N, C-alpha and C. Protein backbone atom coordinates (compact mmCIF):
# COMPACT_ATOMS: atom_id res chain seq x y z
N MET A 1 10.52 -16.01 4.22
CA MET A 1 10.31 -14.66 3.68
C MET A 1 11.23 -13.68 4.41
N THR A 2 11.85 -12.80 3.67
CA THR A 2 12.74 -11.80 4.24
C THR A 2 12.03 -10.46 4.31
N VAL A 3 11.93 -9.92 5.52
CA VAL A 3 11.30 -8.60 5.67
C VAL A 3 12.40 -7.55 5.77
N ARG A 4 12.37 -6.62 4.83
CA ARG A 4 13.41 -5.58 4.81
C ARG A 4 12.78 -4.22 4.99
N ARG A 5 13.25 -3.49 5.98
CA ARG A 5 12.66 -2.20 6.31
C ARG A 5 12.93 -1.17 5.24
N LEU A 6 11.99 -0.38 4.96
CA LEU A 6 12.15 0.72 4.01
C LEU A 6 12.35 2.05 4.72
N GLY A 7 12.41 2.23 5.90
CA GLY A 7 12.52 3.52 6.54
C GLY A 7 11.37 4.43 6.20
N ILE A 8 10.21 4.06 5.99
CA ILE A 8 8.97 4.84 5.79
C ILE A 8 7.83 4.64 6.75
N LEU A 9 6.30 4.22 4.44
CA LEU A 9 4.96 3.49 4.22
C LEU A 9 5.21 2.90 3.43
N ILE A 10 3.57 2.68 2.92
CA ILE A 10 2.86 2.09 2.94
C ILE A 10 3.16 1.78 2.73
N ALA A 11 3.92 1.08 1.79
CA ALA A 11 2.18 0.52 1.01
C ALA A 11 3.51 -0.52 0.95
N ALA A 12 4.08 -0.98 -0.36
CA ALA A 12 3.77 -0.39 -0.58
C ALA A 12 3.97 -0.68 -1.10
N MET A 13 4.89 -0.84 -2.25
CA MET A 13 3.87 -0.07 -2.86
C MET A 13 2.87 -0.33 -1.99
N LEU A 14 4.27 -1.14 -1.44
CA LEU A 14 3.60 -1.53 -1.64
C LEU A 14 2.94 -1.59 -0.77
N ALA A 15 1.96 -2.05 0.81
CA ALA A 15 1.04 -1.89 0.83
C ALA A 15 0.06 -0.82 1.36
N LEU A 16 0.25 -1.68 2.88
CA LEU A 16 -0.22 -1.48 2.67
C LEU A 16 -0.82 -0.90 2.80
N ALA A 17 -2.17 1.84 2.97
CA ALA A 17 -3.25 2.47 2.68
C ALA A 17 -3.93 3.60 3.16
N ALA A 18 -5.50 4.36 3.54
CA ALA A 18 -5.34 5.77 3.37
C ALA A 18 -6.51 6.71 3.36
N VAL A 19 -6.65 8.00 3.70
CA VAL A 19 -7.96 8.64 3.59
C VAL A 19 -8.17 9.95 4.33
N GLY A 20 -8.98 10.83 3.79
CA GLY A 20 -9.59 11.99 4.39
C GLY A 20 -8.67 12.81 5.28
N ALA A 21 -9.25 13.40 6.29
CA ALA A 21 -8.48 14.16 7.25
C ALA A 21 -7.70 13.17 8.08
N VAL A 22 -6.41 13.35 8.15
CA VAL A 22 -5.59 12.35 8.81
C VAL A 22 -4.72 12.95 9.88
N GLY A 23 -4.42 12.11 10.91
CA GLY A 23 -3.54 12.55 11.96
C GLY A 23 -2.26 11.75 11.94
N ALA A 24 -1.16 12.40 11.92
CA ALA A 24 0.11 11.69 11.92
C ALA A 24 0.47 11.25 13.32
N ALA A 25 1.17 10.14 13.41
CA ALA A 25 1.60 9.66 14.70
C ALA A 25 2.76 10.49 15.20
N GLY A 26 2.72 10.87 16.44
CA GLY A 26 3.79 11.65 17.01
C GLY A 26 4.79 10.76 17.71
N ALA A 27 5.50 11.36 18.66
CA ALA A 27 6.50 10.59 19.37
C ALA A 27 5.85 9.64 20.37
N GLN A 28 4.58 9.87 20.72
CA GLN A 28 3.91 9.01 21.68
C GLN A 28 3.75 7.63 21.10
N ALA A 29 3.56 6.64 21.99
CA ALA A 29 3.35 5.27 21.55
C ALA A 29 1.93 5.14 21.05
N VAL A 30 1.77 4.82 19.80
CA VAL A 30 0.45 4.62 19.22
C VAL A 30 0.33 3.16 18.78
N GLN A 31 -0.91 2.66 18.75
CA GLN A 31 -1.14 1.26 18.43
C GLN A 31 -2.41 1.10 17.62
N PHE A 32 -2.52 -0.07 16.98
CA PHE A 32 -3.77 -0.48 16.37
C PHE A 32 -4.58 -1.24 17.42
N HIS A 33 -5.89 -0.98 17.47
CA HIS A 33 -6.75 -1.64 18.44
C HIS A 33 -7.90 -2.33 17.72
N CYS A 34 -8.41 -3.41 18.33
CA CYS A 34 -9.56 -4.12 17.79
C CYS A 34 -10.43 -4.60 18.94
N SER A 35 -11.73 -4.68 18.71
CA SER A 35 -12.64 -5.08 19.78
C SER A 35 -12.71 -6.59 19.96
N VAL A 36 -12.07 -7.36 19.08
CA VAL A 36 -12.08 -8.82 19.19
C VAL A 36 -10.66 -9.35 19.01
N GLU A 37 -10.45 -10.57 19.49
CA GLU A 37 -9.19 -11.26 19.22
C GLU A 37 -9.45 -12.76 19.00
N PRO A 38 -8.80 -13.35 18.02
CA PRO A 38 -7.97 -12.68 17.00
C PRO A 38 -8.81 -11.74 16.15
N CYS A 39 -8.15 -10.79 15.52
CA CYS A 39 -8.84 -9.78 14.71
C CYS A 39 -8.29 -9.81 13.29
N ARG A 40 -9.19 -9.97 12.33
CA ARG A 40 -8.79 -9.91 10.93
C ARG A 40 -8.99 -8.48 10.43
N VAL A 41 -7.96 -7.91 9.86
CA VAL A 41 -8.03 -6.55 9.32
C VAL A 41 -8.06 -6.65 7.80
N THR A 42 -9.10 -6.08 7.21
CA THR A 42 -9.30 -6.15 5.77
C THR A 42 -9.17 -4.77 5.15
N LEU A 43 -8.49 -4.66 4.02
CA LEU A 43 -8.36 -3.40 3.30
C LEU A 43 -9.58 -3.19 2.43
N LYS A 44 -10.25 -2.05 2.58
CA LYS A 44 -11.42 -1.70 1.79
C LYS A 44 -11.15 -0.41 1.02
N PRO A 45 -11.80 -0.23 -0.13
CA PRO A 45 -11.65 1.03 -0.86
C PRO A 45 -12.26 2.18 -0.06
N ASP A 46 -11.71 3.35 -0.23
CA ASP A 46 -12.28 4.56 0.39
C ASP A 46 -13.30 5.14 -0.59
N GLY A 47 -14.51 4.62 -0.54
CA GLY A 47 -15.55 5.09 -1.44
C GLY A 47 -15.45 4.43 -2.80
N THR A 48 -16.06 5.06 -3.79
CA THR A 48 -16.10 4.48 -5.13
C THR A 48 -15.48 5.40 -6.19
N GLY A 49 -15.08 6.59 -5.81
CA GLY A 49 -14.51 7.54 -6.75
C GLY A 49 -13.01 7.62 -6.67
N LYS A 50 -12.47 8.84 -6.87
CA LYS A 50 -11.03 9.04 -6.90
C LYS A 50 -10.36 8.72 -5.57
N THR A 51 -11.10 8.84 -4.46
CA THR A 51 -10.49 8.55 -3.16
C THR A 51 -10.16 7.07 -3.01
N ALA A 52 -10.76 6.22 -3.84
CA ALA A 52 -10.47 4.78 -3.79
C ALA A 52 -9.24 4.42 -4.63
N HIS A 53 -8.77 5.35 -5.45
CA HIS A 53 -7.69 5.06 -6.39
C HIS A 53 -6.32 5.04 -5.74
N HIS A 54 -5.42 4.29 -6.37
CA HIS A 54 -4.01 4.28 -6.00
C HIS A 54 -3.23 4.72 -7.22
N VAL A 55 -2.45 5.77 -7.05
CA VAL A 55 -1.82 6.44 -8.19
C VAL A 55 -0.32 6.59 -7.96
N MET A 56 0.48 6.19 -8.97
CA MET A 56 1.91 6.41 -8.92
C MET A 56 2.35 7.08 -10.21
N THR A 57 3.07 8.17 -10.09
CA THR A 57 3.64 8.87 -11.23
C THR A 57 5.03 8.32 -11.50
N VAL A 58 5.28 7.92 -12.74
CA VAL A 58 6.55 7.29 -13.11
C VAL A 58 7.26 8.17 -14.14
N LYS A 59 8.54 8.47 -13.87
CA LYS A 59 9.32 9.30 -14.78
C LYS A 59 10.49 8.50 -15.35
N GLY A 60 10.70 8.67 -16.67
CA GLY A 60 11.79 7.99 -17.34
C GLY A 60 12.40 8.87 -18.42
N GLU A 61 13.18 8.25 -19.29
CA GLU A 61 13.92 9.01 -20.29
C GLU A 61 13.01 9.72 -21.29
N LYS A 62 11.79 9.23 -21.50
CA LYS A 62 10.88 9.84 -22.47
C LYS A 62 9.82 10.74 -21.83
N GLY A 63 9.87 10.86 -20.52
CA GLY A 63 8.88 11.71 -19.86
C GLY A 63 8.19 11.01 -18.71
N GLU A 64 6.90 11.30 -18.56
CA GLU A 64 6.16 10.89 -17.38
C GLU A 64 4.92 10.08 -17.77
N ALA A 65 4.60 9.06 -16.98
CA ALA A 65 3.39 8.27 -17.18
C ALA A 65 2.78 8.00 -15.81
N THR A 66 1.47 7.74 -15.79
CA THR A 66 0.77 7.52 -14.53
C THR A 66 0.21 6.11 -14.46
N LEU A 67 0.53 5.41 -13.39
CA LEU A 67 -0.07 4.11 -13.08
C LEU A 67 -1.22 4.36 -12.12
N THR A 68 -2.43 3.99 -12.50
CA THR A 68 -3.61 4.18 -11.67
C THR A 68 -4.32 2.85 -11.49
N CYS A 69 -4.62 2.50 -10.23
CA CYS A 69 -5.37 1.29 -9.93
C CYS A 69 -6.65 1.67 -9.17
N GLY A 70 -7.75 1.05 -9.55
CA GLY A 70 -9.03 1.40 -8.96
C GLY A 70 -9.16 1.01 -7.50
N GLN A 71 -8.55 -0.11 -7.11
CA GLN A 71 -8.67 -0.59 -5.74
C GLN A 71 -7.43 -1.38 -5.35
N LEU A 72 -7.26 -1.52 -4.04
CA LEU A 72 -6.21 -2.34 -3.47
C LEU A 72 -6.83 -3.27 -2.44
N HIS A 73 -6.57 -4.58 -2.56
CA HIS A 73 -7.10 -5.55 -1.61
C HIS A 73 -5.97 -6.20 -0.83
N GLY A 74 -6.29 -6.69 0.36
CA GLY A 74 -5.34 -7.39 1.20
C GLY A 74 -5.91 -7.55 2.59
N GLU A 75 -5.27 -8.36 3.42
CA GLU A 75 -5.74 -8.53 4.79
C GLU A 75 -4.61 -8.99 5.69
N GLY A 76 -4.82 -8.79 6.99
CA GLY A 76 -3.87 -9.25 7.98
C GLY A 76 -4.61 -9.67 9.22
N THR A 77 -3.96 -10.43 10.10
CA THR A 77 -4.60 -10.90 11.33
C THR A 77 -3.71 -10.61 12.52
N SER A 78 -4.33 -10.03 13.56
CA SER A 78 -3.64 -9.81 14.83
C SER A 78 -4.18 -10.80 15.85
N SER A 79 -3.30 -11.48 16.55
CA SER A 79 -3.74 -12.46 17.55
C SER A 79 -4.23 -11.78 18.82
N ALA A 80 -3.87 -10.50 19.01
CA ALA A 80 -4.27 -9.76 20.21
C ALA A 80 -5.12 -8.56 19.84
N LYS A 81 -5.80 -7.98 20.84
CA LYS A 81 -6.63 -6.81 20.59
C LYS A 81 -5.81 -5.55 20.30
N THR A 82 -4.56 -5.56 20.70
CA THR A 82 -3.69 -4.39 20.51
C THR A 82 -2.37 -4.83 19.90
N THR A 83 -1.92 -4.09 18.88
CA THR A 83 -0.65 -4.42 18.25
C THR A 83 -0.02 -3.15 17.69
N THR A 84 1.28 -3.14 17.58
CA THR A 84 1.98 -1.98 16.99
C THR A 84 2.24 -2.17 15.51
N GLU A 85 2.09 -3.42 15.02
CA GLU A 85 2.37 -3.69 13.61
C GLU A 85 1.33 -4.66 13.03
N LEU A 86 1.04 -4.47 11.76
CA LEU A 86 0.17 -5.37 11.02
C LEU A 86 0.89 -5.83 9.76
N THR A 87 0.88 -7.13 9.52
CA THR A 87 1.41 -7.66 8.27
C THR A 87 0.24 -7.88 7.32
N ILE A 88 0.26 -7.18 6.19
CA ILE A 88 -0.81 -7.26 5.20
C ILE A 88 -0.37 -8.20 4.09
N THR A 89 -1.13 -9.29 3.90
CA THR A 89 -0.79 -10.30 2.90
C THR A 89 -1.87 -10.35 1.82
N GLY A 90 -1.62 -11.16 0.80
CA GLY A 90 -2.59 -11.31 -0.27
C GLY A 90 -2.87 -10.00 -0.99
N ILE A 91 -1.86 -9.16 -1.13
CA ILE A 91 -2.04 -7.83 -1.71
C ILE A 91 -2.35 -7.93 -3.20
N GLU A 92 -3.40 -7.23 -3.62
CA GLU A 92 -3.81 -7.27 -5.02
C GLU A 92 -4.28 -5.89 -5.47
N TYR A 93 -3.61 -5.35 -6.47
CA TYR A 93 -4.04 -4.12 -7.12
C TYR A 93 -4.93 -4.51 -8.30
N VAL A 94 -6.10 -3.89 -8.41
CA VAL A 94 -7.03 -4.26 -9.48
C VAL A 94 -7.46 -3.02 -10.25
N GLU A 95 -8.01 -3.26 -11.45
CA GLU A 95 -8.51 -2.18 -12.32
C GLU A 95 -7.42 -1.16 -12.60
N CYS A 96 -6.27 -1.65 -13.06
CA CYS A 96 -5.10 -0.77 -13.25
C CYS A 96 -4.92 -0.36 -14.71
N THR A 97 -4.40 0.84 -14.89
CA THR A 97 -4.00 1.34 -16.21
C THR A 97 -2.65 2.03 -16.09
N LEU A 98 -1.87 1.97 -17.16
CA LEU A 98 -0.62 2.71 -17.26
C LEU A 98 -0.74 3.61 -18.48
N ALA A 99 -0.74 4.91 -18.25
CA ALA A 99 -0.93 5.89 -19.32
C ALA A 99 -2.20 5.59 -20.12
N GLY A 100 -3.25 5.14 -19.41
CA GLY A 100 -4.53 4.90 -20.03
C GLY A 100 -4.73 3.52 -20.64
N THR A 101 -3.69 2.68 -20.64
CA THR A 101 -3.79 1.32 -21.20
C THR A 101 -3.88 0.31 -20.07
N ALA A 102 -4.72 -0.70 -20.23
CA ALA A 102 -4.89 -1.73 -19.20
C ALA A 102 -3.54 -2.27 -18.76
N ALA A 103 -3.33 -2.33 -17.45
CA ALA A 103 -2.02 -2.70 -16.91
C ALA A 103 -2.15 -3.75 -15.82
N PHE A 104 -1.02 -4.34 -15.46
CA PHE A 104 -0.96 -5.32 -14.37
C PHE A 104 -0.05 -4.80 -13.27
N VAL A 105 -0.28 -5.29 -12.05
CA VAL A 105 0.64 -5.11 -10.94
C VAL A 105 0.83 -6.48 -10.30
N LYS A 106 2.05 -6.94 -10.24
CA LYS A 106 2.36 -8.25 -9.65
C LYS A 106 3.18 -8.05 -8.38
N MET A 107 2.60 -8.49 -7.24
CA MET A 107 3.32 -8.37 -5.98
C MET A 107 4.32 -9.51 -5.78
N ASN A 108 4.11 -10.63 -6.49
CA ASN A 108 5.05 -11.76 -6.44
C ASN A 108 5.32 -12.25 -5.03
N GLY A 109 4.27 -12.27 -4.21
CA GLY A 109 4.41 -12.79 -2.84
C GLY A 109 4.89 -11.77 -1.83
N CYS A 110 5.09 -10.52 -2.24
CA CYS A 110 5.56 -9.49 -1.32
C CYS A 110 4.41 -9.02 -0.42
N ASP A 111 4.70 -8.76 0.84
CA ASP A 111 3.73 -8.30 1.82
C ASP A 111 4.12 -6.93 2.34
N PHE A 112 3.15 -6.23 2.97
CA PHE A 112 3.43 -4.97 3.66
C PHE A 112 3.46 -5.21 5.16
N LEU A 113 4.44 -4.64 5.83
CA LEU A 113 4.49 -4.61 7.29
C LEU A 113 4.26 -3.17 7.70
N VAL A 114 3.07 -2.88 8.24
CA VAL A 114 2.66 -1.51 8.53
C VAL A 114 2.76 -1.25 10.03
N ASN A 115 3.56 -0.26 10.40
CA ASN A 115 3.73 0.13 11.79
C ASN A 115 2.72 1.21 12.15
N ALA A 116 2.21 1.20 13.39
CA ALA A 116 1.19 2.15 13.82
C ALA A 116 1.67 3.59 13.76
N GLU A 117 2.97 3.82 13.79
CA GLU A 117 3.50 5.18 13.71
C GLU A 117 3.55 5.69 12.28
N GLY A 118 3.24 4.81 11.30
CA GLY A 118 3.19 5.26 9.92
C GLY A 118 4.34 4.81 9.06
N TYR A 119 5.29 4.06 9.65
CA TYR A 119 6.40 3.54 8.86
C TYR A 119 6.03 2.17 8.31
N THR A 120 6.42 1.88 7.09
CA THR A 120 6.06 0.61 6.46
C THR A 120 7.27 -0.04 5.82
N SER A 121 7.28 -1.36 5.86
CA SER A 121 8.31 -2.15 5.20
C SER A 121 7.65 -3.07 4.20
N VAL A 122 8.45 -3.61 3.30
CA VAL A 122 7.97 -4.60 2.35
C VAL A 122 8.76 -5.88 2.57
N GLY A 123 8.05 -7.00 2.68
CA GLY A 123 8.70 -8.29 2.81
C GLY A 123 8.46 -9.10 1.54
N CYS A 124 9.52 -9.61 0.93
CA CYS A 124 9.38 -10.39 -0.30
C CYS A 124 10.10 -11.73 -0.16
N PRO A 125 9.60 -12.75 -0.85
CA PRO A 125 10.37 -13.99 -0.92
C PRO A 125 11.73 -13.71 -1.55
N SER A 126 12.71 -14.49 -1.21
CA SER A 126 14.06 -14.27 -1.72
C SER A 126 14.08 -14.21 -3.25
N GLY A 127 14.69 -13.15 -3.77
CA GLY A 127 14.83 -13.00 -5.21
C GLY A 127 13.63 -12.40 -5.91
N LYS A 128 12.56 -12.09 -5.18
CA LYS A 128 11.35 -11.54 -5.78
C LYS A 128 11.32 -10.02 -5.66
N GLU A 129 10.57 -9.37 -6.55
CA GLU A 129 10.40 -7.93 -6.52
C GLU A 129 9.03 -7.58 -7.09
N ILE A 130 8.63 -6.34 -6.94
CA ILE A 130 7.33 -5.89 -7.44
C ILE A 130 7.45 -5.54 -8.92
N GLU A 131 6.42 -5.88 -9.69
CA GLU A 131 6.41 -5.59 -11.11
C GLU A 131 5.08 -4.96 -11.51
N PHE A 132 5.13 -4.06 -12.49
CA PHE A 132 3.91 -3.55 -13.09
C PHE A 132 4.18 -3.17 -14.54
N GLY A 133 3.12 -3.01 -15.31
CA GLY A 133 3.30 -2.62 -16.70
C GLY A 133 2.15 -3.07 -17.57
N VAL A 134 2.40 -3.14 -18.86
CA VAL A 134 1.42 -3.56 -19.86
C VAL A 134 1.91 -4.86 -20.49
N GLU A 135 1.06 -5.88 -20.47
CA GLU A 135 1.46 -7.20 -20.96
C GLU A 135 2.08 -7.12 -22.35
N LYS A 136 3.25 -7.77 -22.49
CA LYS A 136 3.99 -7.92 -23.75
C LYS A 136 4.56 -6.61 -24.31
N LEU A 137 4.27 -5.49 -23.65
CA LEU A 137 4.74 -4.20 -24.17
C LEU A 137 5.71 -3.48 -23.22
N CYS A 138 5.47 -3.58 -21.93
CA CYS A 138 6.29 -2.81 -20.98
C CYS A 138 6.23 -3.46 -19.60
N THR A 139 7.39 -3.64 -18.98
CA THR A 139 7.46 -4.17 -17.62
C THR A 139 8.40 -3.31 -16.79
N VAL A 140 7.92 -2.88 -15.64
CA VAL A 140 8.74 -2.12 -14.70
C VAL A 140 8.97 -2.99 -13.47
N LYS A 141 10.22 -3.12 -13.06
CA LYS A 141 10.57 -3.90 -11.88
C LYS A 141 11.05 -2.97 -10.78
N ILE A 142 10.46 -3.13 -9.59
CA ILE A 142 10.80 -2.31 -8.43
C ILE A 142 11.48 -3.21 -7.39
N PRO A 143 12.78 -3.08 -7.22
CA PRO A 143 13.46 -3.92 -6.23
C PRO A 143 13.14 -3.47 -4.81
N VAL A 144 13.24 -4.40 -3.89
CA VAL A 144 13.05 -4.11 -2.47
C VAL A 144 14.41 -4.25 -1.80
N PRO A 145 14.81 -3.36 -0.88
CA PRO A 145 13.98 -2.31 -0.28
C PRO A 145 13.87 -1.06 -1.17
N ILE A 146 12.82 -0.28 -0.90
CA ILE A 146 12.59 0.98 -1.58
C ILE A 146 13.06 2.10 -0.65
N PRO A 147 13.98 2.97 -1.09
CA PRO A 147 14.44 4.05 -0.21
C PRO A 147 13.37 5.11 -0.03
N VAL A 148 12.88 5.29 1.20
CA VAL A 148 11.83 6.27 1.47
C VAL A 148 12.23 7.11 2.68
N VAL A 149 11.94 8.40 2.60
CA VAL A 149 12.28 9.31 3.69
C VAL A 149 10.98 9.79 4.34
N GLY A 150 10.88 9.64 5.67
CA GLY A 150 9.72 10.15 6.40
C GLY A 150 8.58 9.15 6.49
N LEU A 151 7.50 9.59 7.14
CA LEU A 151 6.32 8.75 7.31
C LEU A 151 5.64 8.55 5.96
N ALA A 152 5.17 7.34 5.71
CA ALA A 152 4.51 7.05 4.46
C ALA A 152 3.00 6.95 4.62
N VAL A 153 2.52 6.59 5.83
CA VAL A 153 1.09 6.42 6.04
C VAL A 153 0.63 7.27 7.21
N LYS A 154 -0.52 7.91 7.04
CA LYS A 154 -1.16 8.66 8.10
C LYS A 154 -2.52 8.03 8.39
N PHE A 155 -2.84 7.90 9.68
CA PHE A 155 -4.07 7.22 10.07
C PHE A 155 -5.06 8.18 10.72
N HIS A 156 -6.35 7.83 10.61
CA HIS A 156 -7.42 8.61 11.21
C HIS A 156 -8.58 7.67 11.50
N ASN A 157 -9.23 7.86 12.65
CA ASN A 157 -10.35 7.00 13.02
C ASN A 157 -11.65 7.47 12.38
N LEU A 158 -12.47 6.51 11.99
CA LEU A 158 -13.73 6.77 11.33
C LEU A 158 -14.83 6.02 12.05
N GLY A 159 -15.97 6.71 12.32
CA GLY A 159 -17.11 6.06 12.94
C GLY A 159 -17.13 6.23 14.45
N THR A 160 -18.26 5.86 15.05
CA THR A 160 -18.43 5.99 16.50
C THR A 160 -18.75 4.64 17.14
N GLU A 161 -19.90 4.07 16.86
CA GLU A 161 -20.26 2.78 17.46
C GLU A 161 -19.37 1.66 16.93
N THR A 162 -19.28 1.55 15.62
CA THR A 162 -18.35 0.62 14.99
C THR A 162 -17.29 1.44 14.28
N LYS A 163 -16.06 1.24 14.68
CA LYS A 163 -14.98 2.09 14.18
C LYS A 163 -14.18 1.40 13.08
N GLU A 164 -13.66 2.22 12.19
CA GLU A 164 -12.73 1.78 11.17
C GLU A 164 -11.57 2.77 11.14
N ILE A 165 -10.50 2.38 10.47
CA ILE A 165 -9.32 3.24 10.37
C ILE A 165 -9.15 3.65 8.92
N THR A 166 -9.02 4.94 8.69
CA THR A 166 -8.66 5.38 7.35
C THR A 166 -7.15 5.61 7.31
N ALA A 167 -6.58 5.40 6.12
CA ALA A 167 -5.14 5.55 5.97
C ALA A 167 -4.84 6.25 4.66
N GLU A 168 -3.85 7.13 4.70
CA GLU A 168 -3.44 7.87 3.50
C GLU A 168 -1.96 7.61 3.27
N THR A 169 -1.61 7.17 2.07
CA THR A 169 -0.24 6.79 1.75
C THR A 169 0.40 7.76 0.77
N SER A 170 1.66 8.06 1.02
CA SER A 170 2.42 8.91 0.10
C SER A 170 3.88 8.49 0.17
N VAL A 171 4.41 8.01 -0.94
CA VAL A 171 5.80 7.51 -0.97
C VAL A 171 6.54 8.13 -2.15
N SER A 172 7.70 8.67 -1.89
CA SER A 172 8.54 9.20 -2.96
C SER A 172 9.87 8.46 -2.98
N GLY A 173 10.67 8.71 -3.99
CA GLY A 173 11.99 8.08 -4.07
C GLY A 173 11.97 6.64 -4.51
N ILE A 174 10.88 6.20 -5.17
CA ILE A 174 10.82 4.83 -5.68
C ILE A 174 11.68 4.73 -6.94
N GLU A 175 12.51 3.70 -7.02
CA GLU A 175 13.39 3.52 -8.17
C GLU A 175 13.19 2.14 -8.77
N GLY A 176 13.32 2.06 -10.08
CA GLY A 176 13.17 0.78 -10.74
C GLY A 176 13.75 0.81 -12.14
N THR A 177 13.44 -0.24 -12.90
CA THR A 177 13.95 -0.36 -14.26
C THR A 177 12.81 -0.77 -15.19
N ALA A 178 12.67 -0.06 -16.30
CA ALA A 178 11.63 -0.36 -17.29
C ALA A 178 12.25 -1.02 -18.52
N SER A 179 11.52 -2.00 -19.07
CA SER A 179 11.98 -2.65 -20.30
C SER A 179 10.77 -3.01 -21.15
N GLY A 180 10.97 -3.16 -22.44
CA GLY A 180 9.88 -3.52 -23.33
C GLY A 180 9.87 -2.65 -24.58
N SER A 181 9.01 -3.02 -25.52
CA SER A 181 8.98 -2.33 -26.81
C SER A 181 8.15 -1.06 -26.80
N SER A 182 7.32 -0.86 -25.77
CA SER A 182 6.43 0.30 -25.79
C SER A 182 6.12 0.80 -24.37
N CYS A 183 7.14 1.33 -23.71
CA CYS A 183 6.95 1.93 -22.39
C CYS A 183 6.71 3.43 -22.57
N PRO A 184 5.58 3.96 -22.13
CA PRO A 184 5.28 5.37 -22.38
C PRO A 184 6.28 6.33 -21.77
N MET A 185 6.96 5.94 -20.70
CA MET A 185 7.94 6.82 -20.08
C MET A 185 9.36 6.51 -20.52
N GLY A 186 9.50 5.51 -21.42
CA GLY A 186 10.82 5.11 -21.88
C GLY A 186 11.34 3.91 -21.11
N THR A 187 12.48 3.40 -21.52
CA THR A 187 13.09 2.25 -20.86
C THR A 187 14.31 2.68 -20.06
N GLY A 188 14.84 1.71 -19.31
CA GLY A 188 15.97 2.02 -18.44
C GLY A 188 15.51 2.45 -17.07
N ALA A 189 16.32 3.24 -16.40
CA ALA A 189 16.03 3.66 -15.03
C ALA A 189 14.79 4.54 -14.97
N ILE A 190 13.94 4.29 -13.98
CA ILE A 190 12.77 5.14 -13.74
C ILE A 190 12.73 5.54 -12.27
N THR A 191 12.01 6.63 -11.99
CA THR A 191 11.73 7.03 -10.62
C THR A 191 10.22 7.16 -10.47
N GLY A 192 9.72 6.86 -9.28
CA GLY A 192 8.28 6.90 -9.08
C GLY A 192 7.90 7.60 -7.79
N THR A 193 6.71 8.20 -7.80
CA THR A 193 6.14 8.82 -6.60
C THR A 193 4.72 8.30 -6.42
N TYR A 194 4.48 7.66 -5.31
CA TYR A 194 3.15 7.13 -4.98
C TYR A 194 2.38 8.30 -4.38
N THR A 195 1.57 8.94 -5.20
CA THR A 195 0.94 10.20 -4.79
C THR A 195 -0.39 10.02 -4.08
N THR A 196 -1.11 8.95 -4.37
CA THR A 196 -2.43 8.71 -3.79
C THR A 196 -2.56 7.25 -3.43
N GLY A 197 -3.03 6.97 -2.22
CA GLY A 197 -3.22 5.59 -1.81
C GLY A 197 -4.15 5.52 -0.63
N ASN A 198 -5.43 5.79 -0.84
CA ASN A 198 -6.39 5.85 0.25
C ASN A 198 -7.04 4.49 0.50
N LEU A 199 -7.18 4.15 1.79
CA LEU A 199 -7.75 2.87 2.19
C LEU A 199 -8.56 3.02 3.46
N ILE A 200 -9.42 2.03 3.70
CA ILE A 200 -10.10 1.89 4.98
C ILE A 200 -9.72 0.53 5.54
N LEU A 201 -9.26 0.50 6.79
CA LEU A 201 -8.90 -0.74 7.47
C LEU A 201 -10.06 -1.12 8.38
N THR A 202 -10.67 -2.26 8.11
CA THR A 202 -11.84 -2.72 8.86
C THR A 202 -11.48 -3.95 9.68
N GLY A 203 -11.92 -3.96 10.94
CA GLY A 203 -11.71 -5.11 11.80
C GLY A 203 -12.91 -6.04 11.78
N GLU A 204 -12.63 -7.33 11.89
CA GLU A 204 -13.71 -8.32 11.94
C GLU A 204 -13.21 -9.59 12.58
N THR A 205 -14.13 -10.46 12.98
CA THR A 205 -13.74 -11.76 13.50
C THR A 205 -13.22 -12.61 12.35
N THR A 206 -12.60 -13.72 12.68
CA THR A 206 -12.07 -14.58 11.62
C THR A 206 -13.18 -15.23 10.81
N SER A 207 -14.41 -15.19 11.31
CA SER A 207 -15.55 -15.72 10.55
C SER A 207 -16.24 -14.62 9.73
N GLY A 208 -15.73 -13.39 9.80
CA GLY A 208 -16.25 -12.32 8.97
C GLY A 208 -17.27 -11.41 9.60
N VAL A 209 -17.48 -11.50 10.91
CA VAL A 209 -18.42 -10.62 11.60
C VAL A 209 -17.74 -9.28 11.89
N MET A 210 -18.41 -8.19 11.53
CA MET A 210 -17.84 -6.85 11.69
C MET A 210 -17.50 -6.56 13.15
N ALA A 211 -16.33 -5.97 13.37
CA ALA A 211 -15.90 -5.53 14.70
C ALA A 211 -15.38 -4.10 14.58
N SER A 212 -14.95 -3.54 15.69
CA SER A 212 -14.37 -2.20 15.67
C SER A 212 -12.86 -2.27 15.60
N ALA A 213 -12.28 -1.38 14.79
CA ALA A 213 -10.82 -1.23 14.72
C ALA A 213 -10.52 0.26 14.80
N TRP A 214 -9.55 0.63 15.60
CA TRP A 214 -9.18 2.04 15.73
C TRP A 214 -7.70 2.18 16.03
N TRP A 215 -7.23 3.41 15.96
CA TRP A 215 -5.81 3.74 16.08
C TRP A 215 -5.65 4.85 17.09
N GLU A 216 -4.79 4.64 18.08
CA GLU A 216 -4.49 5.71 19.05
C GLU A 216 -3.26 5.34 19.85
């Protein structure tokens, strides 16, 4: 697998996430922490409403369309209690629509490499890229790397006795190509902005027992 830096987040698209009042990482050295090792980090929705959604606005020759997914799943494992980076694998966007029509998002084996300072890269198998759209009607392909300027993810700690990390993702400058007989934004070159991507990062043992995870 080739990991190529995007100079950002999340996500991202791809991965990988996001939430509430957030603190950006400064110049100081910040890290992800867990109360156990190895530590499995699981992506959870931020609630059940709009804060759990992942939204990307796509612009093309015919105008603008919105890709909305109800949830984002994925997980990563750190062998130590402290790490500066997490690789999020098994990424799955679910409950997706494009301009109100049921849609798909295919990661095609691509992973997110999330840095504690808020910069994220996407790693894809050779020749693979991210795809989304409506089956048999419209397919958008997003090549990697994605040019992104600035921090893409902001982190904030949640909880006291058992801690979790909330993350908020925002990515602009996404470029791709749309094809098909019925793309609401048109075909050809498209640009995208990942406007909403809220997640909760939960730490647990490899057997699934809840642990604390925090960022500082």
